[in-house]
Each structure stands twice: as C-alpha cells, then as structure tokens.
Amino acid sequence: MAKKITLNPHTQKEEKKNLSSNPIKYSKLWILLGLIVGVGIIGIIGNMTWLTYKEMKHKKQEEKANQELEEVEHFIEKEQYEKALMGEEGISLGLKAISEQYSTTKAGNLANFYIGIIYIEQKKYKDAIPYLKNFKTEEPIQACSLALIADAYSNQTQYNQAAEYYEKAAKHQHNQVFTPSYLIKASQVYEKQKKYKKALNCYQKIIDEFPSCTEYKYAKKHAGRLEVLIKYA
C-alpha cells in the first residue's frame, strides 16, 4: 500500500510566506505574458492589414492592365501589329509593356499570348516562342498556345521540338475537337524525320480514341499507308 505523503504544517506555512513575500516575480510573469499575447495580436492584425493592402493593390493592377489591353485589342483588330506591340503615346502602353509591367495579372499573362500570335503572323518564329512559353493557364487555350509553339519550331525545321509540343498540345485537356488535329500535325512532323512508327502511333490514337471525329477517315487512310511503308522499308 502506497505511503501517504503529507507536508509538515510548519513547511506549508513557510511556502505560503515565501509566495506572498515575493509578489514581484508573479507580476513580472503576467507582464511578460501580456506582452507576448499583445505582440501576437498586433502581428495578426498587421498580417491581415498587409494582405488586404496587397489584395487591393493587385486588384488595381488588374483593372489598369485590363484597360490597357482593351486599347491594344483595337490595334490587333485593324492588324496594326507594331502599334499593338509597342503602343501609341497617349492611347496604350502596348503589349510588350503590359507583359512586363503587369506580369502578375491575367491581362499581363494574356499579353504574352497575343505577342506570340503577332510574331507568328509576322513569321518571326524565334521571337514568338519565349512569349508563348510564358503564357500559362489551365483553360483550353493553353493547348492552342502549345500548338503555336510547335508551329514555330516546325517552321524553323526544328522537328524534334515541334513534335514534342504537338504531343503536349494533344494531351492538354484531351478532347475530340482539337486533339486529333494536333496528333495529325505531330504525325506529319515525325514522318518528315522518317520516324514512321511514331507517326503511325499518332494516327492510331485518333482511330482508337476518337472514332467519331472528323479526322477519323484521314487517320485511317494514312495509318494504312504508313503500315505498308513500315513493312517494306
């Protein structure tokens, strides 16, 4: 059986005396705790204020960038590409400035895509590629951007990179509207490199995965041709 521990009454009186005779220690402790809690609350309020400020600043940037982009779109519609790219004093900054100055906004991101398209139109394929690569979105338009990168590489006879980006475009949000056309382009690039098996695989994907697409008959025809070519190569 455990022995009951008891304190000597005299010892208990001494402990109480010590505690009551030294109230400074306890007052300092409470002051310290108060300071810690106070600093914590101020920190939370400060963080909330900073986040609110950042959100407001970003919102203003989005609004300004959208306004600038709207002005540029008028130039694009009229095919005034140099003005669209470089802007016009008193009217618009231009796509390049929007891309740089508002890089964290949606409009700044979209400006990269517009610049890429303009350079493709002007056959400045090398210039188009970095802007198209900087364009990032989860929307279906991303596949279009990837395909344009592939077009730019293909027009420079850089077929390895072209095939890679056509395949990336085909994989992005897999669907029967766009995916078959990207696979056909990939197949054509592979064929230029005499990579007939890879070309055939692209056509076979269309046949297997998109039997109701408009490119189905085209894929069947060229798959058959490549099978013969591979057999007698």
Protein backbone atom coordinates (compact mmCIF):
# COMPACT_ATOMS: atom_id res chain seq x y z
CA MET A 1 0.00 0.00 0.00
CA ALA A 2 1.41 3.39 -1.05
CA LYS A 3 2.55 5.60 1.78
CA LYS A 4 0.57 8.85 2.09
CA ILE A 5 2.78 11.86 1.73
CA THR A 6 1.97 14.81 3.97
CA LEU A 7 3.66 18.15 4.33
CA ASN A 8 4.83 19.41 7.65
CA PRO A 9 2.45 22.22 8.77
CA HIS A 10 5.45 24.35 9.52
CA THR A 11 6.79 23.76 5.94
CA GLN A 12 3.41 24.69 4.45
CA LYS A 13 3.40 27.98 6.37
CA GLU A 14 6.93 28.75 5.14
CA GLU A 15 5.91 28.09 1.49
CA LYS A 16 2.92 30.45 1.76
CA LYS A 17 5.12 33.07 3.36
CA ASN A 18 7.66 32.81 0.54
CA LEU A 19 4.99 33.11 -2.16
CA SER A 20 3.29 36.11 -0.57
CA SER A 21 6.52 37.83 0.29
CA ASN A 22 7.72 37.82 -3.34
CA PRO A 23 4.82 39.15 -5.46
CA ILE A 24 7.26 40.85 -7.89
CA LYS A 25 8.04 37.52 -9.62
CA TYR A 26 4.37 36.93 -10.39
CA SER A 27 3.70 40.48 -11.55
CA LYS A 28 6.67 40.24 -13.92
CA LEU A 29 5.37 36.93 -15.25
CA TRP A 30 1.94 38.39 -16.02
CA ILE A 31 3.52 41.44 -17.67
CA LEU A 32 5.64 39.12 -19.84
CA LEU A 33 2.63 37.01 -20.83
CA GLY A 34 0.68 40.19 -21.59
CA LEU A 35 3.48 41.39 -23.86
CA ILE A 36 3.64 38.05 -25.72
CA VAL A 37 -0.13 37.95 -26.29
CA GLY A 38 -0.14 41.65 -27.25
CA VAL A 39 2.64 41.19 -29.79
CA GLY A 40 0.82 38.16 -31.20
CA ILE A 41 -2.43 40.10 -31.65
CA ILE A 42 -0.60 43.04 -33.23
CA GLY A 43 1.18 40.58 -35.57
CA ILE A 44 -2.12 39.02 -36.66
CA ILE A 45 -3.72 42.43 -37.25
CA GLY A 46 -0.58 43.55 -39.09
CA ASN A 47 -0.64 40.49 -41.35
CA MET A 48 -4.34 40.97 -42.10
CA THR A 49 -3.72 44.64 -42.96
CA TRP A 50 -0.78 43.74 -45.21
CA LEU A 51 -2.78 41.04 -47.01
CA THR A 52 -5.70 43.44 -47.52
CA TYR A 53 -3.29 46.05 -48.91
CA LYS A 54 -1.74 43.51 -51.29
CA GLU A 55 -5.16 42.35 -52.49
CA MET A 56 -6.28 45.92 -53.12
CA LYS A 57 -3.05 46.75 -54.93
CA HIS A 58 -3.35 43.62 -57.10
CA LYS A 59 -6.98 44.43 -57.90
CA LYS A 60 -5.99 47.92 -59.05
CA GLN A 61 -3.22 46.44 -61.21
CA GLU A 62 -5.70 44.00 -62.78
CA GLU A 63 -8.06 46.87 -63.61
CA LYS A 64 -5.30 49.02 -65.14
CA ALA A 65 -3.90 46.08 -67.13
CA ASN A 66 -7.36 45.22 -68.48
CA GLN A 67 -7.90 48.81 -69.59
CA GLU A 68 -4.56 48.85 -71.39
CA LEU A 69 -5.28 45.52 -73.05
CA GLU A 70 -8.66 46.71 -74.31
CA GLU A 71 -6.97 49.62 -76.10
CA VAL A 72 -4.44 47.26 -77.69
CA GLU A 73 -7.16 44.93 -78.98
CA HIS A 74 -8.37 47.72 -81.27
CA PHE A 75 -4.95 47.75 -82.95
CA ILE A 76 -4.98 43.96 -83.30
CA GLU A 77 -8.43 44.03 -84.95
CA LYS A 78 -7.08 46.54 -87.50
CA GLU A 79 -3.91 44.44 -87.97
CA GLN A 80 -1.77 47.37 -86.79
CA TYR A 81 0.66 44.97 -85.19
CA GLU A 82 3.55 47.33 -84.47
CA LYS A 83 1.24 49.67 -82.58
CA ALA A 84 -0.21 46.69 -80.75
CA LEU A 85 3.27 45.56 -79.73
CA MET A 86 4.88 48.90 -78.91
CA GLY A 87 1.82 51.01 -78.07
CA GLU A 88 0.99 54.57 -79.02
CA GLU A 89 1.63 57.56 -76.80
CA GLY A 90 -1.48 58.74 -75.01
CA ILE A 91 -3.50 55.70 -76.09
CA SER A 92 -1.86 52.47 -74.95
CA LEU A 93 1.33 51.10 -73.45
CA GLY A 94 1.43 48.25 -75.96
CA LEU A 95 1.57 44.52 -75.39
CA LYS A 96 5.26 44.33 -74.53
CA ALA A 97 4.97 46.92 -71.77
CA ILE A 98 1.78 45.30 -70.45
CA SER A 99 3.55 41.93 -70.35
CA GLU A 100 6.45 43.40 -68.37
CA GLN A 101 4.75 45.94 -66.11
CA TYR A 102 1.71 43.80 -65.27
CA SER A 103 3.33 40.36 -65.35
CA THR A 104 1.42 39.16 -62.25
CA THR A 105 -2.01 39.96 -63.74
CA LYS A 106 -4.24 37.92 -66.04
CA ALA A 107 -4.06 40.66 -68.67
CA GLY A 108 -0.26 40.63 -68.49
CA ASN A 109 -0.29 36.87 -68.99
CA LEU A 110 -2.67 37.16 -71.95
CA ALA A 111 -0.43 39.84 -73.47
CA ASN A 112 2.26 37.14 -73.86
CA PHE A 113 -0.17 35.05 -75.90
CA TYR A 114 -1.09 38.00 -78.14
CA ILE A 115 2.57 38.84 -78.73
CA GLY A 116 3.26 35.24 -79.72
CA ILE A 117 0.40 35.22 -82.23
CA ILE A 118 1.55 38.52 -83.78
CA TYR A 119 5.10 37.23 -84.20
CA ILE A 120 3.76 34.03 -85.79
CA GLU A 121 1.73 36.21 -88.20
CA GLN A 122 4.88 38.18 -88.99
CA LYS A 123 6.82 34.91 -89.45
CA LYS A 124 9.14 35.87 -86.59
CA TYR A 125 9.01 32.36 -85.22
CA LYS A 126 12.07 32.55 -82.99
CA ASP A 127 10.71 35.70 -81.30
CA ALA A 128 7.27 34.12 -80.78
CA ILE A 129 8.43 31.08 -78.80
CA PRO A 130 9.54 32.68 -75.47
CA TYR A 131 6.33 34.72 -75.20
CA LEU A 132 4.14 31.71 -75.91
CA LYS A 133 6.08 29.70 -73.33
CA ASN A 134 5.47 32.44 -70.75
CA PHE A 135 1.72 32.17 -71.27
CA LYS A 136 0.25 29.89 -68.59
CA THR A 137 -3.37 28.91 -67.99
CA GLU A 138 -5.50 25.87 -67.16
CA GLU A 139 -8.02 26.88 -69.83
CA PRO A 140 -8.30 25.06 -73.21
CA ILE A 141 -6.48 27.97 -74.89
CA GLN A 142 -3.26 26.58 -73.36
CA ALA A 143 -3.37 23.75 -75.91
CA CYS A 144 -3.58 26.32 -78.69
CA SER A 145 -0.52 28.09 -77.28
CA LEU A 146 1.42 24.82 -77.16
CA ALA A 147 0.44 24.06 -80.77
CA LEU A 148 1.61 27.54 -81.85
CA ILE A 149 4.98 26.85 -80.20
CA ALA A 150 5.11 23.62 -82.21
CA ASP A 151 4.25 25.55 -85.41
CA ALA A 152 7.07 28.00 -84.69
CA TYR A 153 9.57 25.16 -84.23
CA SER A 154 8.28 23.35 -87.31
CA ASN A 155 8.66 26.46 -89.47
CA GLN A 156 12.30 26.59 -88.37
CA THR A 157 12.68 22.88 -89.26
CA GLN A 158 13.29 22.05 -85.59
CA TYR A 159 11.18 18.94 -85.88
CA ASN A 160 12.09 17.24 -82.59
CA GLN A 161 10.82 20.22 -80.59
CA ALA A 162 7.83 20.61 -82.89
CA ALA A 163 6.72 17.00 -82.36
CA GLU A 164 7.20 17.35 -78.59
CA TYR A 165 4.92 20.40 -78.41
CA TYR A 166 2.26 18.99 -80.74
CA GLU A 167 2.06 15.98 -78.44
CA LYS A 168 1.85 18.27 -75.39
CA ALA A 169 -0.99 20.17 -77.07
CA ALA A 170 -2.77 16.88 -77.79
CA LYS A 171 -2.52 15.78 -74.15
CA HIS A 172 -3.76 19.06 -72.68
CA GLN A 173 -7.48 18.69 -71.93
CA HIS A 174 -7.93 15.68 -74.20
CA ASN A 175 -10.96 16.20 -76.47
CA GLN A 176 -12.17 15.20 -79.93
CA VAL A 177 -12.46 18.78 -81.20
CA PHE A 178 -8.77 19.73 -81.07
CA THR A 179 -6.72 16.69 -80.03
CA PRO A 180 -6.97 14.82 -83.39
CA SER A 181 -5.69 17.83 -85.36
CA TYR A 182 -2.68 18.17 -83.04
CA LEU A 183 -1.95 14.45 -83.37
CA ILE A 184 -2.09 14.72 -87.18
CA LYS A 185 0.44 17.57 -87.08
CA ALA A 186 2.69 15.53 -84.79
CA SER A 187 2.44 12.60 -87.19
CA GLN A 188 3.38 14.78 -90.15
CA VAL A 189 6.45 16.09 -88.32
CA TYR A 190 7.50 12.56 -87.34
CA GLU A 191 7.14 11.49 -90.96
CA LYS A 192 9.45 14.30 -92.09
CA GLN A 193 12.04 12.78 -89.77
CA LYS A 194 11.29 9.31 -91.15
CA LYS A 195 10.08 8.22 -87.72
CA TYR A 196 7.28 6.22 -89.26
CA LYS A 197 6.35 4.16 -86.19
CA LYS A 198 5.84 7.29 -84.10
CA ALA A 199 3.83 8.83 -86.93
CA LEU A 200 1.67 5.70 -87.09
CA ASN A 201 1.13 5.77 -83.31
CA CYS A 202 -0.35 9.27 -83.57
CA TYR A 203 -2.83 8.19 -86.23
CA GLN A 204 -3.64 5.07 -84.22
CA LYS A 205 -4.54 7.19 -81.19
CA ILE A 206 -7.08 9.05 -83.30
CA ILE A 207 -8.55 5.78 -84.59
CA ASP A 208 -8.76 4.19 -81.13
CA GLU A 209 -9.80 7.19 -79.03
CA PHE A 210 -11.82 9.41 -81.37
CA PRO A 211 -13.80 7.20 -83.77
CA SER A 212 -16.49 9.86 -84.27
CA CYS A 213 -14.18 12.79 -85.02
CA THR A 214 -14.00 14.41 -88.46
CA GLU A 215 -10.33 13.41 -88.84
CA TYR A 216 -11.08 9.69 -88.37
CA LYS A 217 -11.12 8.75 -92.10
CA TYR A 218 -7.99 10.78 -92.76
CA ALA A 219 -6.24 8.97 -89.87
CA LYS A 220 -7.37 5.53 -91.15
CA LYS A 221 -6.09 6.29 -94.65
CA HIS A 222 -2.65 7.47 -93.56
CA ALA A 223 -2.29 4.79 -90.90
CA GLY A 224 -2.77 2.19 -93.64
CA ARG A 225 -0.20 3.91 -95.85
CA LEU A 226 2.35 4.03 -93.02
CA GLU A 227 1.79 0.35 -92.16
CA VAL A 228 2.77 -0.56 -95.73
CA LEU A 229 5.71 1.83 -95.61
CA ILE A 230 7.00 0.31 -92.36
CA LYS A 231 6.53 -3.22 -93.65
CA TYR A 232 8.56 -2.67 -96.84
CA ALA A 233 11.02 -0.06 -95.56
